[in-house]
């Protein structure tokens, strides 16, 4: 399990990182001082969880978490207990009070592990959808499109629409080797499923083999044209 530690106080960062790495199977991939640094780091690396302080200069923990579902799992770590209700409204996995006790940290790590989607097995990229206590597993290679939907990611499979907790950023990193490309900040599609690219309402969109339509951002347009073998 990869973890990111975020706290504006260096001693607190180092102490929590040491405690985390003392837990079997936990790797601290980054130690950062504020929410702005997190956003930059997520462009290069995607941890399973962020252990996030709440009160920090610049972009604080609550403001970062309010950005929605396009983030890893979050465990808040703070010296102030008055933020607990707000933390769980933001769907934090857990809420730790400083000084963090080893046994309490271990319990938080266990909760995070229970929320991490199963990893791909024998090269098969799996997508987990949960609804009303029912967990369903799909082969991502049979899915043509994922799109952002509030705090979740939506996709169509077996003629129905489903939701997964995985963010588009996490899915992009995991599925790029299986032919998926990001065509818009809110759209991830399987390249070999694209059947048409057209201009629409001043922008661009693609049509997929199953009839779904996805938006294409200007930033992604050149790369998509190149991948499709279009000269202009």
C-alpha atoms as a PDB file:
ATOM      1  CA  UNK A   1       0.000   0.000   0.000  1.00  0.00           C
ATOM      2  CA  UNK A   2       1.434   3.370  -1.044  1.00  0.00           C
ATOM      3  CA  UNK A   3       0.818   6.294   1.306  1.00  0.00           C
ATOM      4  CA  UNK A   4       1.431  10.033   1.048  1.00  0.00           C
ATOM      5  CA  UNK A   5       1.976  12.041   4.253  1.00  0.00           C
ATOM      6  CA  UNK A   6       0.954  15.714   4.244  1.00  0.00           C
ATOM      7  CA  UNK A   7       1.645  18.034   7.186  1.00  0.00           C
ATOM      8  CA  UNK A   8       3.115  21.543   7.345  1.00  0.00           C
ATOM      9  CA  UNK A   9       5.207  20.553  10.396  1.00  0.00           C
ATOM     10  CA  UNK A  10       8.285  18.560   9.376  1.00  0.00           C
ATOM     11  CA  UNK A  11       8.698  16.661  12.695  1.00  0.00           C
ATOM     12  CA  UNK A  12       5.066  15.503  12.520  1.00  0.00           C
ATOM     13  CA  UNK A  13       5.534  14.392   8.906  1.00  0.00           C
ATOM     14  CA  UNK A  14       8.634  12.399   9.721  1.00  0.00           C
ATOM     15  CA  UNK A  15       7.124  10.774  12.808  1.00  0.00           C
ATOM     16  CA  UNK A  16       3.992   9.645  10.956  1.00  0.00           C
ATOM     17  CA  UNK A  17       6.056   8.374   8.006  1.00  0.00           C
ATOM     18  CA  UNK A  18       8.206   6.290  10.362  1.00  0.00           C
ATOM     19  CA  UNK A  19       5.111   4.850  12.040  1.00  0.00           C
ATOM     20  CA  UNK A  20       3.535   3.979   8.705  1.00  0.00           C
ATOM     21  CA  UNK A  21       6.637   2.275   7.338  1.00  0.00           C
ATOM     22  CA  UNK A  22       6.829   0.199  10.516  1.00  0.00           C
ATOM     23  CA  UNK A  23       3.537  -1.403   9.412  1.00  0.00           C
ATOM     24  CA  UNK A  24       4.060  -4.397   7.141  1.00  0.00           C
ATOM     25  CA  UNK A  25       3.278  -3.684   3.496  1.00  0.00           C
ATOM     26  CA  UNK A  26       3.095   0.119   3.785  1.00  0.00           C
ATOM     27  CA  UNK A  27       5.370   2.338   1.691  1.00  0.00           C
ATOM     28  CA  UNK A  28       5.484   6.130   2.130  1.00  0.00           C
ATOM     29  CA  UNK A  29       5.913   7.503  -1.384  1.00  0.00           C
ATOM     30  CA  UNK A  30       6.033  11.215  -0.479  1.00  0.00           C
ATOM     31  CA  UNK A  31       6.143  13.623   2.474  1.00  0.00           C
ATOM     32  CA  UNK A  32       4.610  17.002   1.613  1.00  0.00           C
ATOM     33  CA  UNK A  33       3.836  20.254   3.420  1.00  0.00           C
ATOM     34  CA  UNK A  34       0.487  21.431   1.972  1.00  0.00           C
ATOM     35  CA  UNK A  35      -2.377  20.741  -0.410  1.00  0.00           C
ATOM     36  CA  UNK A  36      -0.807  22.595  -3.324  1.00  0.00           C
ATOM     37  CA  UNK A  37       2.207  20.280  -3.163  1.00  0.00           C
ATOM     38  CA  UNK A  38      -0.174  17.309  -3.199  1.00  0.00           C
ATOM     39  CA  UNK A  39      -1.793  18.407  -6.468  1.00  0.00           C
ATOM     40  CA  UNK A  40       1.626  18.687  -8.106  1.00  0.00           C
ATOM     41  CA  UNK A  41       2.769  15.326  -6.742  1.00  0.00           C
ATOM     42  CA  UNK A  42      -0.370  13.547  -7.986  1.00  0.00           C
ATOM     43  CA  UNK A  43       0.610  14.419 -11.541  1.00  0.00           C
ATOM     44  CA  UNK A  44       3.666  12.165 -11.122  1.00  0.00           C
ATOM     45  CA  UNK A  45       2.561   9.527  -8.652  1.00  0.00           C
ATOM     46  CA  UNK A  46      -0.717   8.118  -7.360  1.00  0.00           C
ATOM     47  CA  UNK A  47      -0.747   6.646  -3.832  1.00  0.00           C
ATOM     48  CA  UNK A  48      -3.477   4.475  -2.399  1.00  0.00           C
ATOM     49  CA  UNK A  49      -4.086   6.908   0.464  1.00  0.00           C
ATOM     50  CA  UNK A  50      -3.185  10.397   1.675  1.00  0.00           C
ATOM     51  CA  UNK A  51      -2.667  10.924   5.411  1.00  0.00           C
ATOM     52  CA  UNK A  52      -3.703  14.565   5.440  1.00  0.00           C
ATOM     53  CA  UNK A  53      -3.356  17.289   8.059  1.00  0.00           C
ATOM     54  CA  UNK A  54      -6.316  19.686   8.195  1.00  0.00           C
ATOM     55  CA  UNK A  55      -4.911  23.044   9.290  1.00  0.00           C
ATOM     56  CA  UNK A  56      -2.123  24.076   6.928  1.00  0.00           C
ATOM     57  CA  UNK A  57      -1.164  27.335   5.208  1.00  0.00           C
ATOM     58  CA  UNK A  58      -2.153  27.613   1.551  1.00  0.00           C
ATOM     59  CA  UNK A  59      -4.519  24.848   0.409  1.00  0.00           C
ATOM     60  CA  UNK A  60      -5.607  23.167   3.647  1.00  0.00           C
ATOM     61  CA  UNK A  61      -6.777  19.593   4.095  1.00  0.00           C
ATOM     62  CA  UNK A  62     -10.521  20.251   3.978  1.00  0.00           C
ATOM     63  CA  UNK A  63     -10.231  22.440   0.872  1.00  0.00           C
ATOM     64  CA  UNK A  64      -8.218  19.740  -0.856  1.00  0.00           C
ATOM     65  CA  UNK A  65     -10.704  17.010   0.047  1.00  0.00           C
ATOM     66  CA  UNK A  66     -13.583  19.148  -1.231  1.00  0.00           C
ATOM     67  CA  UNK A  67     -12.201  18.770  -4.743  1.00  0.00           C
ATOM     68  CA  UNK A  68     -14.153  15.527  -4.948  1.00  0.00           C
ATOM     69  CA  UNK A  69     -13.686  11.997  -6.170  1.00  0.00           C
ATOM     70  CA  UNK A  70     -10.595  12.561  -8.309  1.00  0.00           C
ATOM     71  CA  UNK A  71      -8.316  11.950  -5.318  1.00  0.00           C
ATOM     72  CA  UNK A  72      -6.867   8.911  -3.563  1.00  0.00           C
ATOM     73  CA  UNK A  73      -8.437   7.724  -0.317  1.00  0.00           C
ATOM     74  CA  UNK A  74      -7.997  10.176   2.558  1.00  0.00           C
ATOM     75  CA  UNK A  75      -7.273   9.746   6.269  1.00  0.00           C
ATOM     76  CA  UNK A  76      -7.337  13.040   8.159  1.00  0.00           C
ATOM     77  CA  UNK A  77      -4.669  13.553  10.836  1.00  0.00           C
ATOM     78  CA  UNK A  78      -5.101  16.572  13.094  1.00  0.00           C
ATOM     79  CA  UNK A  79      -4.736  17.936  16.606  1.00  0.00           C
ATOM     80  CA  UNK A  80      -8.302  19.333  16.486  1.00  0.00           C
ATOM     81  CA  UNK A  81     -11.334  17.132  17.087  1.00  0.00           C
ATOM     82  CA  UNK A  82     -13.934  19.696  15.940  1.00  0.00           C
ATOM     83  CA  UNK A  83     -13.405  18.729  12.291  1.00  0.00           C
ATOM     84  CA  UNK A  84     -14.506  15.114  12.689  1.00  0.00           C
ATOM     85  CA  UNK A  85     -18.056  15.528  11.365  1.00  0.00           C
ATOM     86  CA  UNK A  86     -16.857  17.522   8.360  1.00  0.00           C
ATOM     87  CA  UNK A  87     -14.198  14.918   7.633  1.00  0.00           C
ATOM     88  CA  UNK A  88     -16.703  12.107   7.371  1.00  0.00           C
ATOM     89  CA  UNK A  89     -19.040  14.272   5.296  1.00  0.00           C
ATOM     90  CA  UNK A  90     -16.124  14.391   2.858  1.00  0.00           C
ATOM     91  CA  UNK A  91     -16.011  10.572   2.970  1.00  0.00           C
ATOM     92  CA  UNK A  92     -12.649  10.301   4.699  1.00  0.00           C
ATOM     93  CA  UNK A  93     -11.720   6.715   5.512  1.00  0.00           C
ATOM     94  CA  UNK A  94     -10.687   7.652   9.057  1.00  0.00           C
ATOM     95  CA  UNK A  95      -9.894  10.570  11.383  1.00  0.00           C
ATOM     96  CA  UNK A  96      -6.798  10.415  13.589  1.00  0.00           C
ATOM     97  CA  UNK A  97      -6.014  12.763  16.450  1.00  0.00           C
ATOM     98  CA  UNK A  98      -2.435  13.795  17.219  1.00  0.00           C
ATOM     99  CA  UNK A  99      -0.366  12.455  18.794  1.00  0.00           C
ATOM    100  CA  UNK A 100      -1.230   9.372  16.752  1.00  0.00           C
ATOM    101  CA  UNK A 101      -1.014   6.095  18.651  1.00  0.00           C
ATOM    102  CA  UNK A 102       0.483   3.082  16.811  1.00  0.00           C
ATOM    103  CA  UNK A 103      -2.561   0.884  17.430  1.00  0.00           C
ATOM    104  CA  UNK A 104      -4.923   3.589  16.167  1.00  0.00           C
ATOM    105  CA  UNK A 105      -2.800   4.069  13.052  1.00  0.00           C
ATOM    106  CA  UNK A 106      -2.811   0.317  12.400  1.00  0.00           C
ATOM    107  CA  UNK A 107      -6.604   0.335  12.569  1.00  0.00           C
ATOM    108  CA  UNK A 108      -6.758   3.190  10.041  1.00  0.00           C
ATOM    109  CA  UNK A 109      -4.434   1.318   7.691  1.00  0.00           C
ATOM    110  CA  UNK A 110      -6.693  -1.738   7.943  1.00  0.00           C
ATOM    111  CA  UNK A 111      -9.685   0.415   6.975  1.00  0.00           C
ATOM    112  CA  UNK A 112      -7.808   1.794   3.991  1.00  0.00           C
ATOM    113  CA  UNK A 113      -6.830  -1.679   2.822  1.00  0.00           C
ATOM    114  CA  UNK A 114     -10.468  -2.732   2.966  1.00  0.00           C
ATOM    115  CA  UNK A 115     -11.348   0.146   0.623  1.00  0.00           C
ATOM    116  CA  UNK A 116      -8.609  -0.393  -1.969  1.00  0.00           C
ATOM    117  CA  UNK A 117     -10.012  -2.137  -5.069  1.00  0.00           C
ATOM    118  CA  UNK A 118      -8.525  -5.566  -5.753  1.00  0.00           C
ATOM    119  CA  UNK A 119      -5.389  -5.433  -7.865  1.00  0.00           C
ATOM    120  CA  UNK A 120      -5.257  -7.011 -11.278  1.00  0.00           C
ATOM    121  CA  UNK A 121      -4.609 -10.744 -11.179  1.00  0.00           C
ATOM    122  CA  UNK A 122      -2.651 -12.661 -13.880  1.00  0.00           C
ATOM    123  CA  UNK A 123      -2.736  -9.634 -16.157  1.00  0.00           C
ATOM    124  CA  UNK A 124      -6.524  -9.226 -16.052  1.00  0.00           C
ATOM    125  CA  UNK A 125      -7.443  -5.610 -15.151  1.00  0.00           C
ATOM    126  CA  UNK A 126     -10.467  -5.814 -12.878  1.00  0.00           C
ATOM    127  CA  UNK A 127     -12.989  -3.109 -12.018  1.00  0.00           C
ATOM    128  CA  UNK A 128     -15.024  -3.403  -8.819  1.00  0.00           C
ATOM    129  CA  UNK A 129     -18.500  -1.915  -8.506  1.00  0.00           C
ATOM    130  CA  UNK A 130     -20.414  -1.900  -5.210  1.00  0.00           C
ATOM    131  CA  UNK A 131     -24.122  -1.190  -4.770  1.00  0.00           C
ATOM    132  CA  UNK A 132     -26.268  -1.925  -1.704  1.00  0.00           C
ATOM    133  CA  UNK A 133     -23.814  -4.472  -0.355  1.00  0.00           C
ATOM    134  CA  UNK A 134     -23.393  -6.269  -3.709  1.00  0.00           C
ATOM    135  CA  UNK A 135     -19.844  -6.285  -5.115  1.00  0.00           C
ATOM    136  CA  UNK A 136     -19.462  -7.008  -8.825  1.00  0.00           C
ATOM    137  CA  UNK A 137     -16.189  -7.523 -10.689  1.00  0.00           C
ATOM    138  CA  UNK A 138     -15.734  -6.659 -14.375  1.00  0.00           C
ATOM    139  CA  UNK A 139     -12.925  -7.153 -16.862  1.00  0.00           C
ATOM    140  CA  UNK A 140     -11.825  -3.630 -17.841  1.00  0.00           C
ATOM    141  CA  UNK A 141     -10.930  -4.857 -21.324  1.00  0.00           C
ATOM    142  CA  UNK A 142     -14.647  -5.333 -22.009  1.00  0.00           C
ATOM    143  CA  UNK A 143     -15.419  -1.704 -21.047  1.00  0.00           C
ATOM    144  CA  UNK A 144     -15.125   1.078 -23.626  1.00  0.00           C
ATOM    145  CA  UNK A 145     -15.471   4.208 -21.496  1.00  0.00           C
ATOM    146  CA  UNK A 146     -15.186   5.576 -17.952  1.00  0.00           C
ATOM    147  CA  UNK A 147     -16.431   9.041 -17.022  1.00  0.00           C
ATOM    148  CA  UNK A 148     -16.466  11.215 -13.911  1.00  0.00           C
ATOM    149  CA  UNK A 149     -19.801  11.228 -12.111  1.00  0.00           C
ATOM    150  CA  UNK A 150     -19.938  13.409  -8.973  1.00  0.00           C
ATOM    151  CA  UNK A 151     -17.695  11.663  -6.427  1.00  0.00           C
ATOM    152  CA  UNK A 152     -17.606   8.403  -8.373  1.00  0.00           C
ATOM    153  CA  UNK A 153     -16.588   7.065 -11.778  1.00  0.00           C
ATOM    154  CA  UNK A 154     -19.279   5.631 -14.052  1.00  0.00           C
ATOM    155  CA  UNK A 155     -19.010   2.973 -16.747  1.00  0.00           C
ATOM    156  CA  UNK A 156     -21.284   0.750 -18.816  1.00  0.00           C
ATOM    157  CA  UNK A 157     -21.010  -3.033 -18.707  1.00  0.00           C
ATOM    158  CA  UNK A 158     -23.453  -5.837 -19.443  1.00  0.00           C
ATOM    159  CA  UNK A 159     -25.978  -3.301 -20.786  1.00  0.00           C
ATOM    160  CA  UNK A 160     -26.181  -1.409 -17.489  1.00  0.00           C
ATOM    161  CA  UNK A 161     -24.496   1.587 -15.881  1.00  0.00           C
ATOM    162  CA  UNK A 162     -22.283   1.000 -12.837  1.00  0.00           C
ATOM    163  CA  UNK A 163     -20.192   3.040 -10.377  1.00  0.00           C
ATOM    164  CA  UNK A 164     -16.720   2.482  -9.001  1.00  0.00           C
ATOM    165  CA  UNK A 165     -14.860   4.303  -6.213  1.00  0.00           C
ATOM    166  CA  UNK A 166     -11.680   4.446  -8.297  1.00  0.00           C
ATOM    167  CA  UNK A 167     -10.917   7.900  -9.669  1.00  0.00           C
ATOM    168  CA  UNK A 168     -10.216   8.533 -13.339  1.00  0.00           C
ATOM    169  CA  UNK A 169      -6.605   9.368 -12.498  1.00  0.00           C
ATOM    170  CA  UNK A 170      -6.119   6.035 -10.757  1.00  0.00           C
ATOM    171  CA  UNK A 171      -7.849   4.153 -13.573  1.00  0.00           C
ATOM    172  CA  UNK A 172      -5.761   5.938 -16.196  1.00  0.00           C
ATOM    173  CA  UNK A 173      -2.515   4.906 -14.513  1.00  0.00           C
ATOM    174  CA  UNK A 174      -3.687   1.326 -14.090  1.00  0.00           C
ATOM    175  CA  UNK A 175      -5.248   0.852 -17.527  1.00  0.00           C
ATOM    176  CA  UNK A 176      -2.893   2.713 -19.854  1.00  0.00           C
ATOM    177  CA  UNK A 177      -1.067  -0.562 -20.564  1.00  0.00           C
ATOM    178  CA  UNK A 178      -4.397  -2.021 -21.683  1.00  0.00           C
ATOM    179  CA  UNK A 179      -5.030   0.633 -24.325  1.00  0.00           C
ATOM    180  CA  UNK A 180      -7.009   3.252 -22.401  1.00  0.00           C
ATOM    181  CA  UNK A 181      -6.375   6.953 -23.081  1.00  0.00           C
ATOM    182  CA  UNK A 182      -7.530  10.129 -21.352  1.00  0.00           C
ATOM    183  CA  UNK A 183      -9.439  12.217 -23.906  1.00  0.00           C
ATOM    184  CA  UNK A 184     -10.862  14.770 -21.467  1.00  0.00           C
ATOM    185  CA  UNK A 185     -10.433  15.546 -17.773  1.00  0.00           C
ATOM    186  CA  UNK A 186     -13.729  13.695 -17.219  1.00  0.00           C
ATOM    187  CA  UNK A 187     -13.374  10.961 -19.882  1.00  0.00           C
ATOM    188  CA  UNK A 188     -11.225   7.826 -20.218  1.00  0.00           C
ATOM    189  CA  UNK A 189     -11.785   5.564 -23.236  1.00  0.00           C
ATOM    190  CA  UNK A 190     -10.386   2.401 -24.801  1.00  0.00           C
ATOM    191  CA  UNK A 191      -8.517   3.486 -27.912  1.00  0.00           C
ATOM    192  CA  UNK A 192      -9.444   0.487 -30.059  1.00  0.00           C
ATOM    193  CA  UNK A 193     -13.147   1.141 -29.366  1.00  0.00           C
ATOM    194  CA  UNK A 194     -13.118   4.555 -31.097  1.00  0.00           C
ATOM    195  CA  UNK A 195     -15.098   4.526 -34.344  1.00  0.00           C
ATOM    196  CA  UNK A 196     -15.475   8.232 -35.189  1.00  0.00           C
ATOM    197  CA  UNK A 197     -14.122  11.669 -34.307  1.00  0.00           C
ATOM    198  CA  UNK A 198     -16.152  14.746 -35.159  1.00  0.00           C
ATOM    199  CA  UNK A 199     -16.614  18.425 -34.427  1.00  0.00           C
ATOM    200  CA  UNK A 200     -19.673  19.191 -32.317  1.00  0.00           C
ATOM    201  CA  UNK A 201     -20.902  22.514 -30.882  1.00  0.00           C
ATOM    202  CA  UNK A 202     -17.506  24.124 -31.309  1.00  0.00           C
ATOM    203  CA  UNK A 203     -15.686  21.224 -29.635  1.00  0.00           C
ATOM    204  CA  UNK A 204     -14.866  17.641 -30.496  1.00  0.00           C
ATOM    205  CA  UNK A 205     -16.295  14.282 -29.507  1.00  0.00           C
ATOM    206  CA  UNK A 206     -15.682  10.636 -30.290  1.00  0.00           C
ATOM    207  CA  UNK A 207     -18.167   7.849 -30.904  1.00  0.00           C
ATOM    208  CA  UNK A 208     -17.339   4.398 -29.564  1.00  0.00           C
ATOM    209  CA  UNK A 209     -18.129   0.976 -30.973  1.00  0.00           C
ATOM    210  CA  UNK A 210     -21.047   0.539 -28.557  1.00  0.00           C
ATOM    211  CA  UNK A 211     -22.597   3.916 -29.454  1.00  0.00           C
ATOM    212  CA  UNK A 212     -21.357   5.843 -26.435  1.00  0.00           C
ATOM    213  CA  UNK A 213     -20.098   9.373 -27.046  1.00  0.00           C
ATOM    214  CA  UNK A 214     -17.211  11.005 -25.160  1.00  0.00           C
ATOM    215  CA  UNK A 215     -15.972  14.594 -25.169  1.00  0.00           C
ATOM    216  CA  UNK A 216     -12.454  15.363 -26.381  1.00  0.00           C
ATOM    217  CA  UNK A 217     -10.568  18.305 -24.911  1.00  0.00           C
ATOM    218  CA  UNK A 218      -8.455  20.598 -27.070  1.00  0.00           C
ATOM    219  CA  UNK A 219      -5.415  19.520 -25.090  1.00  0.00           C
ATOM    220  CA  UNK A 220      -6.000  15.839 -25.928  1.00  0.00           C
ATOM    221  CA  UNK A 221      -7.115  16.330 -29.544  1.00  0.00           C
ATOM    222  CA  UNK A 222      -3.694  16.229 -31.219  1.00  0.00           C
ATOM    223  CA  UNK A 223      -2.691  13.061 -29.398  1.00  0.00           C
ATOM    224  CA  UNK A 224      -5.969  11.351 -30.262  1.00  0.00           C
ATOM    225  CA  UNK A 225      -5.640  12.246 -33.937  1.00  0.00           C
ATOM    226  CA  UNK A 226      -2.109  10.879 -33.970  1.00  0.00           C
ATOM    227  CA  UNK A 227      -3.161   7.667 -32.235  1.00  0.00           C
ATOM    228  CA  UNK A 228      -5.943   7.184 -34.789  1.00  0.00           C
ATOM    229  CA  UNK A 229      -3.597   7.790 -37.703  1.00  0.00           C
ATOM    230  CA  UNK A 230      -5.295  11.020 -38.782  1.00  0.00           C
ATOM    231  CA  UNK A 231      -2.987  13.403 -40.588  1.00  0.00           C
ATOM    232  CA  UNK A 232      -4.879  16.595 -39.677  1.00  0.00           C
END
